[in-house]
Amino acid sequence: MKSKIFTVLKIVLSLAFGVFIIWLFYDALCADQRTQLFQAFKDANYFWVFLGVLMSWLAFMSRAYRWKFSLEPMGHKVKFWQLYHSVAIGYLVNMVFPRAGEASRAGVIAKSDGVPFQKGFGSILAERAVDASVLATIALVTFFMQSDRYEMFTTKMDEFQSGRVGCGNTVIFSILGKIVLYGVLAGVVLAVVLFVIRPSFRSKLRDFVAGIFEGLLSIFRMQKKVAYLGHTALIWLLYIGMFYVNFQAVDGMEGMGWDAIFAGFVAGAVGIVLVQGGIGLYPAFVGLTVSMYIPGVSTGIAPEALAMGWIAWTAQAVGIVVFGLISLALAKKS
């Protein structure tokens, strides 16, 4: 009972924080900026948005096909469409329940095809390790692409933490900046303390690491390593493409360079990690980051950049919900 209450509280608090972020950034806009924001939504070219959703679907398919390669060395041949449905369902579950999508993916094929949960989950953890390495590489490349922007980035962070965002000072931004900063530090300290004083936590951590290594070993044992890596590259190219097309959808954003695109992409990824589903924080981080690259916007957040962030997030969310619900109806149950 306590675990269920804790799960519900995590979901409610996460969603509440996301809604709070939405209100916060909207409240910080001037009256004319709010008008520009809604105008940007009205004038957006939704052909590009639809193209982004299509890329999202192709990424789901590529991810499902890649999964086959890590399951086969463990003696399990699962049909492609069942793997696809489990991937889509996993993304849908992750929109609501923090970090539960991986377990639901493994659970779907365990029930439908008899793949032991531990093996399926280990292969998914291996995927996450590979994808985390790719994202870290993208972030590193992005960092070196921003050599002329370090000072402006520092200024933006100072604005965020001191409350100088939008029209005048917004004290709550200062509080929010400190919550994010100290929250991350508190999480690290708590993890260290639990590791020292709680044997059960150490055991879970060891099992988690062991699961990653077990899944990683399946990658080295597979016969189609090149195909696995090829699909990994395709997935991330599609992710970047999904983000890129949203720049084409919003007036005034079409000519942004790849330094802005990569910086916004990484900022959005951070927003998704910090808040469940990225609600509120994804468009806020994308808007703040991309605003640095818009001529004449030295402080605050540009309405068109915020609109672009919202369009990108909404397109992803709608795609995940639609594809996930369809797969929930079509997936083989047993």
C-alpha atoms as a PDB file:
ATOM      1  CA  MET A   1       0.000   0.000   0.000  1.00  0.00           C
ATOM      2  CA  LYS A   2       2.805   2.396   0.928  1.00  0.00           C
ATOM      3  CA  SER A   3       4.630   1.738  -2.350  1.00  0.00           C
ATOM      4  CA  LYS A   4       1.452   2.519  -4.333  1.00  0.00           C
ATOM      5  CA  ILE A   5       0.959   5.762  -2.431  1.00  0.00           C
ATOM      6  CA  PHE A   6       4.599   6.688  -3.034  1.00  0.00           C
ATOM      7  CA  THR A   7       4.232   5.961  -6.782  1.00  0.00           C
ATOM      8  CA  VAL A   8       1.081   8.093  -7.034  1.00  0.00           C
ATOM      9  CA  LEU A   9       2.782  10.923  -5.131  1.00  0.00           C
ATOM     10  CA  LYS A  10       5.768  10.821  -7.507  1.00  0.00           C
ATOM     11  CA  ILE A  11       3.464  11.067 -10.519  1.00  0.00           C
ATOM     12  CA  VAL A  12       1.320  13.848  -9.042  1.00  0.00           C
ATOM     13  CA  LEU A  13       4.306  15.875  -7.854  1.00  0.00           C
ATOM     14  CA  SER A  14       6.093  15.462 -11.162  1.00  0.00           C
ATOM     15  CA  LEU A  15       3.052  16.584 -13.158  1.00  0.00           C
ATOM     16  CA  ALA A  16       2.388  19.429 -10.725  1.00  0.00           C
ATOM     17  CA  PHE A  17       5.974  20.610 -11.099  1.00  0.00           C
ATOM     18  CA  GLY A  18       5.605  20.487 -14.890  1.00  0.00           C
ATOM     19  CA  VAL A  19       2.394  22.545 -14.788  1.00  0.00           C
ATOM     20  CA  PHE A  20       4.111  24.990 -12.429  1.00  0.00           C
ATOM     21  CA  ILE A  21       6.968  25.419 -14.929  1.00  0.00           C
ATOM     22  CA  ILE A  22       4.428  26.108 -17.702  1.00  0.00           C
ATOM     23  CA  TRP A  23       2.748  28.823 -15.652  1.00  0.00           C
ATOM     24  CA  LEU A  24       6.086  30.244 -14.555  1.00  0.00           C
ATOM     25  CA  PHE A  25       7.451  30.824 -18.033  1.00  0.00           C
ATOM     26  CA  TYR A  26       4.135  32.072 -19.382  1.00  0.00           C
ATOM     27  CA  ASP A  27       3.783  34.498 -16.473  1.00  0.00           C
ATOM     28  CA  ALA A  28       7.302  35.835 -17.122  1.00  0.00           C
ATOM     29  CA  LEU A  29       6.421  36.881 -20.697  1.00  0.00           C
ATOM     30  CA  CYS A  30       5.416  40.457 -21.439  1.00  0.00           C
ATOM     31  CA  ALA A  31       1.958  41.087 -22.911  1.00  0.00           C
ATOM     32  CA  ASP A  32       3.363  41.574 -26.415  1.00  0.00           C
ATOM     33  CA  GLN A  33       5.507  38.449 -26.034  1.00  0.00           C
ATOM     34  CA  ARG A  34       2.429  36.403 -25.156  1.00  0.00           C
ATOM     35  CA  THR A  35       0.766  37.704 -28.317  1.00  0.00           C
ATOM     36  CA  GLN A  36       3.854  36.723 -30.313  1.00  0.00           C
ATOM     37  CA  LEU A  37       3.834  33.285 -28.689  1.00  0.00           C
ATOM     38  CA  PHE A  38       0.266  32.499 -29.738  1.00  0.00           C
ATOM     39  CA  GLN A  39       0.888  34.016 -33.159  1.00  0.00           C
ATOM     40  CA  ALA A  40       3.846  31.675 -33.604  1.00  0.00           C
ATOM     41  CA  PHE A  41       1.562  28.705 -32.884  1.00  0.00           C
ATOM     42  CA  LYS A  42      -1.034  30.041 -35.312  1.00  0.00           C
ATOM     43  CA  ASP A  43       1.461  30.656 -38.136  1.00  0.00           C
ATOM     44  CA  ALA A  44       3.431  27.415 -37.698  1.00  0.00           C
ATOM     45  CA  ASN A  45       3.766  25.141 -40.717  1.00  0.00           C
ATOM     46  CA  TYR A  46       2.354  21.892 -39.364  1.00  0.00           C
ATOM     47  CA  PHE A  47       3.549  19.882 -42.345  1.00  0.00           C
ATOM     48  CA  TRP A  48       6.983  19.917 -40.682  1.00  0.00           C
ATOM     49  CA  VAL A  49       5.438  18.950 -37.348  1.00  0.00           C
ATOM     50  CA  PHE A  50       3.726  15.950 -38.986  1.00  0.00           C
ATOM     51  CA  LEU A  51       7.044  14.997 -40.580  1.00  0.00           C
ATOM     52  CA  GLY A  52       8.602  15.015 -37.110  1.00  0.00           C
ATOM     53  CA  VAL A  53       5.884  12.663 -35.815  1.00  0.00           C
ATOM     54  CA  LEU A  54       6.549  10.358 -38.783  1.00  0.00           C
ATOM     55  CA  MET A  55      10.264  10.341 -37.887  1.00  0.00           C
ATOM     56  CA  SER A  56       9.292   9.443 -34.323  1.00  0.00           C
ATOM     57  CA  TRP A  57       7.357   6.413 -35.612  1.00  0.00           C
ATOM     58  CA  LEU A  58      10.315   5.328 -37.762  1.00  0.00           C
ATOM     59  CA  ALA A  59      12.589   5.632 -34.694  1.00  0.00           C
ATOM     60  CA  PHE A  60      10.210   3.333 -32.771  1.00  0.00           C
ATOM     61  CA  MET A  61      10.424   0.789 -35.591  1.00  0.00           C
ATOM     62  CA  SER A  62      14.210   1.007 -35.796  1.00  0.00           C
ATOM     63  CA  ARG A  63      14.476   0.609 -32.016  1.00  0.00           C
ATOM     64  CA  ALA A  64      12.276  -2.505 -32.153  1.00  0.00           C
ATOM     65  CA  TYR A  65      14.322  -4.007 -34.986  1.00  0.00           C
ATOM     66  CA  ARG A  66      17.559  -3.289 -33.110  1.00  0.00           C
ATOM     67  CA  TRP A  67      16.184  -5.092 -30.078  1.00  0.00           C
ATOM     68  CA  LYS A  68      15.928  -8.326 -32.078  1.00  0.00           C
ATOM     69  CA  PHE A  69      19.710  -8.411 -32.425  1.00  0.00           C
ATOM     70  CA  SER A  70      20.345  -8.452 -28.677  1.00  0.00           C
ATOM     71  CA  LEU A  71      17.626 -11.016 -27.874  1.00  0.00           C
ATOM     72  CA  GLU A  72      18.691 -13.586 -30.487  1.00  0.00           C
ATOM     73  CA  PRO A  73      22.073 -14.445 -28.843  1.00  0.00           C
ATOM     74  CA  MET A  74      20.118 -15.360 -25.697  1.00  0.00           C
ATOM     75  CA  GLY A  75      18.047 -17.857 -27.703  1.00  0.00           C
ATOM     76  CA  HIS A  76      14.863 -15.789 -28.147  1.00  0.00           C
ATOM     77  CA  LYS A  77      13.418 -14.939 -31.539  1.00  0.00           C
ATOM     78  CA  VAL A  78      10.503 -12.564 -31.099  1.00  0.00           C
ATOM     79  CA  LYS A  79       8.450 -11.304 -34.039  1.00  0.00           C
ATOM     80  CA  PHE A  80       9.203  -7.755 -35.120  1.00  0.00           C
ATOM     81  CA  TRP A  81       5.705  -6.368 -34.576  1.00  0.00           C
ATOM     82  CA  GLN A  82       5.516  -7.728 -31.044  1.00  0.00           C
ATOM     83  CA  LEU A  83       8.807  -5.998 -30.275  1.00  0.00           C
ATOM     84  CA  TYR A  84       7.500  -2.800 -31.865  1.00  0.00           C
ATOM     85  CA  HIS A  85       4.307  -2.893 -29.796  1.00  0.00           C
ATOM     86  CA  SER A  86       6.300  -3.428 -26.604  1.00  0.00           C
ATOM     87  CA  VAL A  87       8.551  -0.449 -27.449  1.00  0.00           C
ATOM     88  CA  ALA A  88       5.553   1.813 -28.139  1.00  0.00           C
ATOM     89  CA  ILE A  89       3.829   0.675 -24.934  1.00  0.00           C
ATOM     90  CA  GLY A  90       7.034   1.301 -22.994  1.00  0.00           C
ATOM     91  CA  TYR A  91       7.194   4.901 -24.198  1.00  0.00           C
ATOM     92  CA  LEU A  92       3.530   5.394 -23.308  1.00  0.00           C
ATOM     93  CA  VAL A  93       4.063   4.031 -19.784  1.00  0.00           C
ATOM     94  CA  ASN A  94       7.123   6.264 -19.337  1.00  0.00           C
ATOM     95  CA  MET A  95       4.946   9.324 -20.008  1.00  0.00           C
ATOM     96  CA  VAL A  96       3.031   8.595 -16.795  1.00  0.00           C
ATOM     97  CA  PHE A  97       5.086   6.347 -14.533  1.00  0.00           C
ATOM     98  CA  PRO A  98       8.688   7.420 -13.872  1.00  0.00           C
ATOM     99  CA  ARG A  99      11.215   4.995 -15.422  1.00  0.00           C
ATOM    100  CA  ALA A 100       8.601   2.215 -15.675  1.00  0.00           C
ATOM    101  CA  GLY A 101       8.710   1.964 -19.460  1.00  0.00           C
ATOM    102  CA  GLU A 102      11.744  -0.348 -19.499  1.00  0.00           C
ATOM    103  CA  ALA A 103      10.081  -2.798 -17.127  1.00  0.00           C
ATOM    104  CA  SER A 104       6.829  -2.725 -19.106  1.00  0.00           C
ATOM    105  CA  ARG A 105       8.716  -3.472 -22.339  1.00  0.00           C
ATOM    106  CA  ALA A 106      10.328  -6.518 -20.778  1.00  0.00           C
ATOM    107  CA  GLY A 107       7.010  -7.512 -19.224  1.00  0.00           C
ATOM    108  CA  VAL A 108       5.130  -7.439 -22.543  1.00  0.00           C
ATOM    109  CA  ILE A 109       7.468  -9.885 -24.326  1.00  0.00           C
ATOM    110  CA  ALA A 110       7.787 -12.008 -21.167  1.00  0.00           C
ATOM    111  CA  LYS A 111       4.028 -12.529 -21.227  1.00  0.00           C
ATOM    112  CA  SER A 112       3.603 -12.857 -24.989  1.00  0.00           C
ATOM    113  CA  ASP A 113       6.734 -14.782 -26.009  1.00  0.00           C
ATOM    114  CA  GLY A 114       8.119 -16.276 -22.812  1.00  0.00           C
ATOM    115  CA  VAL A 115      11.312 -14.214 -22.742  1.00  0.00           C
ATOM    116  CA  PRO A 116      12.515 -14.258 -19.098  1.00  0.00           C
ATOM    117  CA  PHE A 117      11.984 -10.823 -17.612  1.00  0.00           C
ATOM    118  CA  GLN A 118      15.587 -10.554 -16.367  1.00  0.00           C
ATOM    119  CA  LYS A 119      17.015 -11.254 -19.818  1.00  0.00           C
ATOM    120  CA  GLY A 120      14.649  -8.871 -21.584  1.00  0.00           C
ATOM    121  CA  PHE A 121      15.262  -6.164 -19.005  1.00  0.00           C
ATOM    122  CA  GLY A 122      19.042  -6.673 -19.201  1.00  0.00           C
ATOM    123  CA  SER A 123      18.990  -6.197 -22.978  1.00  0.00           C
ATOM    124  CA  ILE A 124      16.992  -2.980 -22.520  1.00  0.00           C
ATOM    125  CA  LEU A 125      19.495  -1.711 -19.950  1.00  0.00           C
ATOM    126  CA  ALA A 126      22.215  -2.408 -22.504  1.00  0.00           C
ATOM    127  CA  GLU A 127      20.309  -0.273 -25.011  1.00  0.00           C
ATOM    128  CA  ARG A 128      20.138   2.504 -22.461  1.00  0.00           C
ATOM    129  CA  ALA A 129      23.895   2.266 -21.876  1.00  0.00           C
ATOM    130  CA  VAL A 130      24.564   2.497 -25.623  1.00  0.00           C
ATOM    131  CA  ASP A 131      22.078   5.368 -26.073  1.00  0.00           C
ATOM    132  CA  ALA A 132      23.501   7.216 -23.065  1.00  0.00           C
ATOM    133  CA  SER A 133      26.954   6.951 -24.662  1.00  0.00           C
ATOM    134  CA  VAL A 134      25.612   8.397 -27.917  1.00  0.00           C
ATOM    135  CA  LEU A 135      23.873  11.264 -26.101  1.00  0.00           C
ATOM    136  CA  ALA A 136      27.040  11.979 -24.100  1.00  0.00           C
ATOM    137  CA  THR A 137      28.999  12.117 -27.364  1.00  0.00           C
ATOM    138  CA  ILE A 138      26.452  14.514 -28.885  1.00  0.00           C
ATOM    139  CA  ALA A 139      26.627  16.678 -25.757  1.00  0.00           C
ATOM    140  CA  LEU A 140      30.431  16.731 -25.925  1.00  0.00           C
ATOM    141  CA  VAL A 141      30.414  17.701 -29.605  1.00  0.00           C
ATOM    142  CA  THR A 142      27.816  20.375 -28.827  1.00  0.00           C
ATOM    143  CA  PHE A 143      30.019  21.746 -26.044  1.00  0.00           C
ATOM    144  CA  PHE A 144      32.925  22.241 -28.424  1.00  0.00           C
ATOM    145  CA  MET A 145      30.609  23.846 -30.998  1.00  0.00           C
ATOM    146  CA  GLN A 146      29.720  26.583 -28.489  1.00  0.00           C
ATOM    147  CA  SER A 147      33.182  28.069 -27.871  1.00  0.00           C
ATOM    148  CA  ASP A 148      31.923  31.572 -28.704  1.00  0.00           C
ATOM    149  CA  ARG A 149      28.808  31.220 -26.545  1.00  0.00           C
ATOM    150  CA  TYR A 150      30.195  30.299 -23.137  1.00  0.00           C
ATOM    151  CA  GLU A 151      29.883  33.822 -21.755  1.00  0.00           C
ATOM    152  CA  MET A 152      26.304  34.196 -23.014  1.00  0.00           C
ATOM    153  CA  PHE A 153      25.393  30.779 -21.614  1.00  0.00           C
ATOM    154  CA  THR A 154      26.778  31.807 -18.212  1.00  0.00           C
ATOM    155  CA  THR A 155      24.725  34.997 -18.404  1.00  0.00           C
ATOM    156  CA  LYS A 156      21.580  32.992 -19.182  1.00  0.00           C
ATOM    157  CA  MET A 157      22.162  30.747 -16.182  1.00  0.00           C
ATOM    158  CA  ASP A 158      22.714  33.788 -13.979  1.00  0.00           C
ATOM    159  CA  GLU A 159      19.450  35.279 -15.275  1.00  0.00           C
ATOM    160  CA  PHE A 160      17.612  32.057 -14.560  1.00  0.00           C
ATOM    161  CA  GLN A 161      18.931  31.711 -11.020  1.00  0.00           C
ATOM    162  CA  SER A 162      18.547  35.399 -10.137  1.00  0.00           C
ATOM    163  CA  GLY A 163      15.065  35.720 -11.650  1.00  0.00           C
ATOM    164  CA  ARG A 164      15.893  38.114 -14.506  1.00  0.00           C
ATOM    165  CA  VAL A 165      13.854  36.301 -17.143  1.00  0.00           C
ATOM    166  CA  GLY A 166      11.031  37.819 -19.184  1.00  0.00           C
ATOM    167  CA  CYS A 167       9.541  41.114 -18.043  1.00  0.00           C
ATOM    168  CA  GLY A 168      11.480  42.403 -15.056  1.00  0.00           C
ATOM    169  CA  ASN A 169      12.505  40.292 -12.086  1.00  0.00           C
ATOM    170  CA  THR A 170      10.593  37.158 -11.216  1.00  0.00           C
ATOM    171  CA  VAL A 171      11.655  36.104  -7.732  1.00  0.00           C
ATOM    172  CA  ILE A 172      10.236  32.626  -8.146  1.00  0.00           C
ATOM    173  CA  PHE A 173      12.781  31.929 -10.893  1.00  0.00           C
ATOM    174  CA  SER A 174      15.548  32.425  -8.374  1.00  0.00           C
ATOM    175  CA  ILE A 175      13.892  29.901  -6.081  1.00  0.00           C
ATOM    176  CA  LEU A 176      13.389  27.483  -8.979  1.00  0.00           C
ATOM    177  CA  GLY A 177      17.012  27.747 -10.069  1.00  0.00           C
ATOM    178  CA  LYS A 178      18.171  26.913  -6.559  1.00  0.00           C
ATOM    179  CA  ILE A 179      15.675  24.008  -6.327  1.00  0.00           C
ATOM    180  CA  VAL A 180      17.079  22.466  -9.518  1.00  0.00           C
ATOM    181  CA  LEU A 181      20.703  22.983  -8.438  1.00  0.00           C
ATOM    182  CA  TYR A 182      20.344  21.832  -4.842  1.00  0.00           C
ATOM    183  CA  GLY A 183      17.933  19.066  -5.830  1.00  0.00           C
ATOM    184  CA  VAL A 184      20.554  17.464  -8.047  1.00  0.00           C
ATOM    185  CA  LEU A 185      23.209  17.803  -5.331  1.00  0.00           C
ATOM    186  CA  ALA A 186      20.845  16.358  -2.703  1.00  0.00           C
ATOM    187  CA  GLY A 187      20.112  13.388  -4.972  1.00  0.00           C
ATOM    188  CA  VAL A 188      23.822  12.630  -5.320  1.00  0.00           C
ATOM    189  CA  VAL A 189      24.411  12.926  -1.565  1.00  0.00           C
ATOM    190  CA  LEU A 190      21.382  10.734  -0.790  1.00  0.00           C
ATOM    191  CA  ALA A 191      22.608   8.039  -3.182  1.00  0.00           C
ATOM    192  CA  VAL A 192      26.021   8.014  -1.486  1.00  0.00           C
ATOM    193  CA  VAL A 193      24.497   7.848   2.005  1.00  0.00           C
ATOM    194  CA  LEU A 194      22.148   5.006   1.038  1.00  0.00           C
ATOM    195  CA  PHE A 195      25.044   3.118  -0.509  1.00  0.00           C
ATOM    196  CA  VAL A 196      26.982   3.359   2.766  1.00  0.00           C
ATOM    197  CA  ILE A 197      24.242   2.605   5.302  1.00  0.00           C
ATOM    198  CA  ARG A 198      21.736   0.409   3.412  1.00  0.00           C
ATOM    199  CA  PRO A 199      22.867  -3.090   2.381  1.00  0.00           C
ATOM    200  CA  SER A 200      19.620  -3.523   0.403  1.00  0.00           C
ATOM    201  CA  PHE A 201      20.427  -0.415  -1.650  1.00  0.00           C
ATOM    202  CA  ARG A 202      23.925  -1.742  -2.371  1.00  0.00           C
ATOM    203  CA  SER A 203      22.378  -5.035  -3.436  1.00  0.00           C
ATOM    204  CA  LYS A 204      19.931  -3.316  -5.793  1.00  0.00           C
ATOM    205  CA  LEU A 205      22.735  -1.207  -7.227  1.00  0.00           C
ATOM    206  CA  ARG A 206      24.868  -4.309  -7.804  1.00  0.00           C
ATOM    207  CA  ASP A 207      21.922  -6.037  -9.505  1.00  0.00           C
ATOM    208  CA  PHE A 208      21.348  -2.973 -11.665  1.00  0.00           C
ATOM    209  CA  VAL A 209      25.002  -2.845 -12.750  1.00  0.00           C
ATOM    210  CA  ALA A 210      25.038  -6.623 -13.288  1.00  0.00           C
ATOM    211  CA  GLY A 211      21.952  -6.319 -15.488  1.00  0.00           C
ATOM    212  CA  ILE A 212      23.646  -3.696 -17.611  1.00  0.00           C
ATOM    213  CA  PHE A 213      26.729  -5.873 -18.059  1.00  0.00           C
ATOM    214  CA  GLU A 214      24.600  -8.936 -18.859  1.00  0.00           C
ATOM    215  CA  GLY A 215      22.786  -6.991 -21.552  1.00  0.00           C
ATOM    216  CA  LEU A 216      26.023  -5.493 -22.851  1.00  0.00           C
ATOM    217  CA  LEU A 217      27.506  -8.971 -23.183  1.00  0.00           C
ATOM    218  CA  SER A 218      24.599  -9.901 -25.459  1.00  0.00           C
ATOM    219  CA  ILE A 219      25.751  -7.098 -27.777  1.00  0.00           C
ATOM    220  CA  PHE A 220      29.249  -8.572 -27.986  1.00  0.00           C
ATOM    221  CA  ARG A 221      27.842 -12.069 -28.562  1.00  0.00           C
ATOM    222  CA  MET A 222      25.466 -11.068 -31.337  1.00  0.00           C
ATOM    223  CA  GLN A 223      26.333 -11.877 -34.933  1.00  0.00           C
ATOM    224  CA  LYS A 224      24.885  -8.664 -36.372  1.00  0.00           C
ATOM    225  CA  LYS A 225      26.924  -6.070 -34.475  1.00  0.00           C
ATOM    226  CA  VAL A 226      27.226  -3.782 -37.503  1.00  0.00           C
ATOM    227  CA  ALA A 227      23.444  -3.838 -38.027  1.00  0.00           C
ATOM    228  CA  TYR A 228      22.916  -3.086 -34.309  1.00  0.00           C
ATOM    229  CA  LEU A 229      25.223  -0.082 -34.456  1.00  0.00           C
ATOM    230  CA  GLY A 230      23.672   0.971 -37.774  1.00  0.00           C
ATOM    231  CA  HIS A 231      20.200   1.061 -36.222  1.00  0.00           C
ATOM    232  CA  THR A 232      21.602   2.945 -33.229  1.00  0.00           C
ATOM    233  CA  ALA A 233      22.955   5.605 -35.597  1.00  0.00           C
ATOM    234  CA  LEU A 234      19.638   5.685 -37.477  1.00  0.00           C
ATOM    235  CA  ILE A 235      17.638   6.128 -34.270  1.00  0.00           C
ATOM    236  CA  TRP A 236      19.692   9.133 -33.195  1.00  0.00           C
ATOM    237  CA  LEU A 237      19.698  10.671 -36.657  1.00  0.00           C
ATOM    238  CA  LEU A 238      15.906  10.428 -36.589  1.00  0.00           C
ATOM    239  CA  TYR A 239      15.808  12.028 -33.124  1.00  0.00           C
ATOM    240  CA  ILE A 240      17.923  14.939 -34.332  1.00  0.00           C
ATOM    241  CA  GLY A 241      15.821  15.147 -37.500  1.00  0.00           C
ATOM    242  CA  MET A 242      12.630  15.262 -35.405  1.00  0.00           C
ATOM    243  CA  PHE A 243      14.054  18.232 -33.539  1.00  0.00           C
ATOM    244  CA  TYR A 244      15.400  19.937 -36.673  1.00  0.00           C
ATOM    245  CA  VAL A 245      12.081  19.972 -38.550  1.00  0.00           C
ATOM    246  CA  ASN A 246      10.448  21.982 -35.768  1.00  0.00           C
ATOM    247  CA  PHE A 247      12.824  24.840 -36.544  1.00  0.00           C
ATOM    248  CA  GLN A 248      11.434  24.802 -40.082  1.00  0.00           C
ATOM    249  CA  ALA A 249       7.874  24.889 -38.737  1.00  0.00           C
ATOM    250  CA  VAL A 250       8.134  28.202 -36.838  1.00  0.00           C
ATOM    251  CA  ASP A 251       8.554  31.571 -38.550  1.00  0.00           C
ATOM    252  CA  GLY A 252      11.878  33.178 -37.699  1.00  0.00           C
ATOM    253  CA  MET A 253      13.538  29.901 -36.723  1.00  0.00           C
ATOM    254  CA  GLU A 254      14.254  28.467 -40.186  1.00  0.00           C
ATOM    255  CA  GLY A 255      17.749  29.893 -40.541  1.00  0.00           C
ATOM    256  CA  MET A 256      19.150  28.752 -37.201  1.00  0.00           C
ATOM    257  CA  GLY A 257      22.546  27.050 -37.424  1.00  0.00           C
ATOM    258  CA  TRP A 258      23.478  23.564 -36.304  1.00  0.00           C
ATOM    259  CA  ASP A 259      25.109  24.962 -33.169  1.00  0.00           C
ATOM    260  CA  ALA A 260      21.673  26.203 -32.038  1.00  0.00           C
ATOM    261  CA  ILE A 261      19.967  22.971 -33.099  1.00  0.00           C
ATOM    262  CA  PHE A 262      22.389  20.734 -31.202  1.00  0.00           C
ATOM    263  CA  ALA A 263      22.375  22.999 -28.135  1.00  0.00           C
ATOM    264  CA  GLY A 264      18.566  22.973 -28.036  1.00  0.00           C
ATOM    265  CA  PHE A 265      18.504  19.209 -28.578  1.00  0.00           C
ATOM    266  CA  VAL A 266      20.786  18.567 -25.592  1.00  0.00           C
ATOM    267  CA  ALA A 267      18.884  21.076 -23.422  1.00  0.00           C
ATOM    268  CA  GLY A 268      15.612  19.297 -24.233  1.00  0.00           C
ATOM    269  CA  ALA A 269      17.145  15.929 -23.314  1.00  0.00           C
ATOM    270  CA  VAL A 270      18.133  17.359 -19.918  1.00  0.00           C
ATOM    271  CA  GLY A 271      14.566  18.624 -19.415  1.00  0.00           C
ATOM    272  CA  ILE A 272      13.169  15.143 -20.090  1.00  0.00           C
ATOM    273  CA  VAL A 273      15.569  13.609 -17.555  1.00  0.00           C
ATOM    274  CA  LEU A 274      14.724  16.132 -14.809  1.00  0.00           C
ATOM    275  CA  VAL A 275      10.918  16.108 -15.113  1.00  0.00           C
ATOM    276  CA  GLN A 276       8.628  13.195 -15.962  1.00  0.00           C
ATOM    277  CA  GLY A 277       7.991  13.300 -19.696  1.00  0.00           C
ATOM    278  CA  GLY A 278       9.717  16.690 -19.896  1.00  0.00           C
ATOM    279  CA  ILE A 279       6.414  18.491 -19.325  1.00  0.00           C
ATOM    280  CA  GLY A 280       7.025  22.208 -18.915  1.00  0.00           C
ATOM    281  CA  LEU A 281      10.777  21.924 -18.522  1.00  0.00           C
ATOM    282  CA  TYR A 282      11.529  20.599 -22.037  1.00  0.00           C
ATOM    283  CA  PRO A 283      10.083  23.628 -23.896  1.00  0.00           C
ATOM    284  CA  ALA A 284      11.470  25.982 -21.240  1.00  0.00           C
ATOM    285  CA  PHE A 285      15.031  24.658 -21.524  1.00  0.00           C
ATOM    286  CA  VAL A 286      14.820  24.524 -25.328  1.00  0.00           C
ATOM    287  CA  GLY A 287      13.422  28.067 -25.480  1.00  0.00           C
ATOM    288  CA  LEU A 288      16.030  29.515 -23.135  1.00  0.00           C
ATOM    289  CA  THR A 289      18.888  27.804 -24.946  1.00  0.00           C
ATOM    290  CA  VAL A 290      17.827  28.535 -28.516  1.00  0.00           C
ATOM    291  CA  SER A 291      17.111  32.189 -27.607  1.00  0.00           C
ATOM    292  CA  MET A 292      20.875  32.687 -27.267  1.00  0.00           C
ATOM    293  CA  TYR A 293      21.212  32.218 -31.024  1.00  0.00           C
ATOM    294  CA  ILE A 294      18.480  34.622 -32.113  1.00  0.00           C
ATOM    295  CA  PRO A 295      19.879  38.026 -33.168  1.00  0.00           C
ATOM    296  CA  GLY A 296      18.821  40.850 -30.870  1.00  0.00           C
ATOM    297  CA  VAL A 297      17.807  38.579 -27.970  1.00  0.00           C
ATOM    298  CA  SER A 298      20.530  39.112 -25.389  1.00  0.00           C
ATOM    299  CA  THR A 299      18.396  38.426 -22.311  1.00  0.00           C
ATOM    300  CA  GLY A 300      15.249  36.503 -21.462  1.00  0.00           C
ATOM    301  CA  ILE A 301      13.458  34.044 -23.711  1.00  0.00           C
ATOM    302  CA  ALA A 302      12.279  34.643 -27.296  1.00  0.00           C
ATOM    303  CA  PRO A 303       8.561  33.801 -27.812  1.00  0.00           C
ATOM    304  CA  GLU A 304       9.266  32.027 -31.110  1.00  0.00           C
ATOM    305  CA  ALA A 305      11.924  29.869 -29.423  1.00  0.00           C
ATOM    306  CA  LEU A 306       9.516  28.975 -26.611  1.00  0.00           C
ATOM    307  CA  ALA A 307       6.794  28.214 -29.171  1.00  0.00           C
ATOM    308  CA  MET A 308       9.171  25.968 -31.078  1.00  0.00           C
ATOM    309  CA  GLY A 309      10.019  24.115 -27.865  1.00  0.00           C
ATOM    310  CA  TRP A 310       6.333  23.614 -27.119  1.00  0.00           C
ATOM    311  CA  ILE A 311       5.569  22.408 -30.636  1.00  0.00           C
ATOM    312  CA  ALA A 312       8.484  19.947 -30.492  1.00  0.00           C
ATOM    313  CA  TRP A 313       7.382  18.591 -27.103  1.00  0.00           C
ATOM    314  CA  THR A 314       3.691  18.386 -28.037  1.00  0.00           C
ATOM    315  CA  ALA A 315       4.429  16.559 -31.303  1.00  0.00           C
ATOM    316  CA  GLN A 316       6.526  13.994 -29.428  1.00  0.00           C
ATOM    317  CA  ALA A 317       3.924  13.564 -26.688  1.00  0.00           C
ATOM    318  CA  VAL A 318       1.016  13.158 -29.125  1.00  0.00           C
ATOM    319  CA  GLY A 319       3.003  10.631 -31.164  1.00  0.00           C
ATOM    320  CA  ILE A 320       3.890   8.601 -28.084  1.00  0.00           C
ATOM    321  CA  VAL A 321       0.283   8.546 -26.841  1.00  0.00           C
ATOM    322  CA  VAL A 322      -1.237   7.661 -30.226  1.00  0.00           C
ATOM    323  CA  PHE A 323       1.315   4.981 -31.128  1.00  0.00           C
ATOM    324  CA  GLY A 324       1.270   3.598 -27.591  1.00  0.00           C
ATOM    325  CA  LEU A 325      -2.518   3.286 -27.417  1.00  0.00           C
ATOM    326  CA  ILE A 326      -2.656   1.585 -30.820  1.00  0.00           C
ATOM    327  CA  SER A 327       0.034  -0.897 -29.745  1.00  0.00           C
ATOM    328  CA  LEU A 328      -1.744  -1.465 -26.438  1.00  0.00           C
ATOM    329  CA  ALA A 329      -4.782  -2.598 -28.430  1.00  0.00           C
ATOM    330  CA  LEU A 330      -2.838  -4.692 -30.972  1.00  0.00           C
ATOM    331  CA  ALA A 331      -0.114  -6.301 -28.870  1.00  0.00           C
ATOM    332  CA  LYS A 332      -0.299 -10.044 -28.380  1.00  0.00           C
ATOM    333  CA  LYS A 333      -1.382 -10.681 -24.808  1.00  0.00           C
ATOM    334  CA  SER A 334      -0.226 -14.252 -24.335  1.00  0.00           C
END
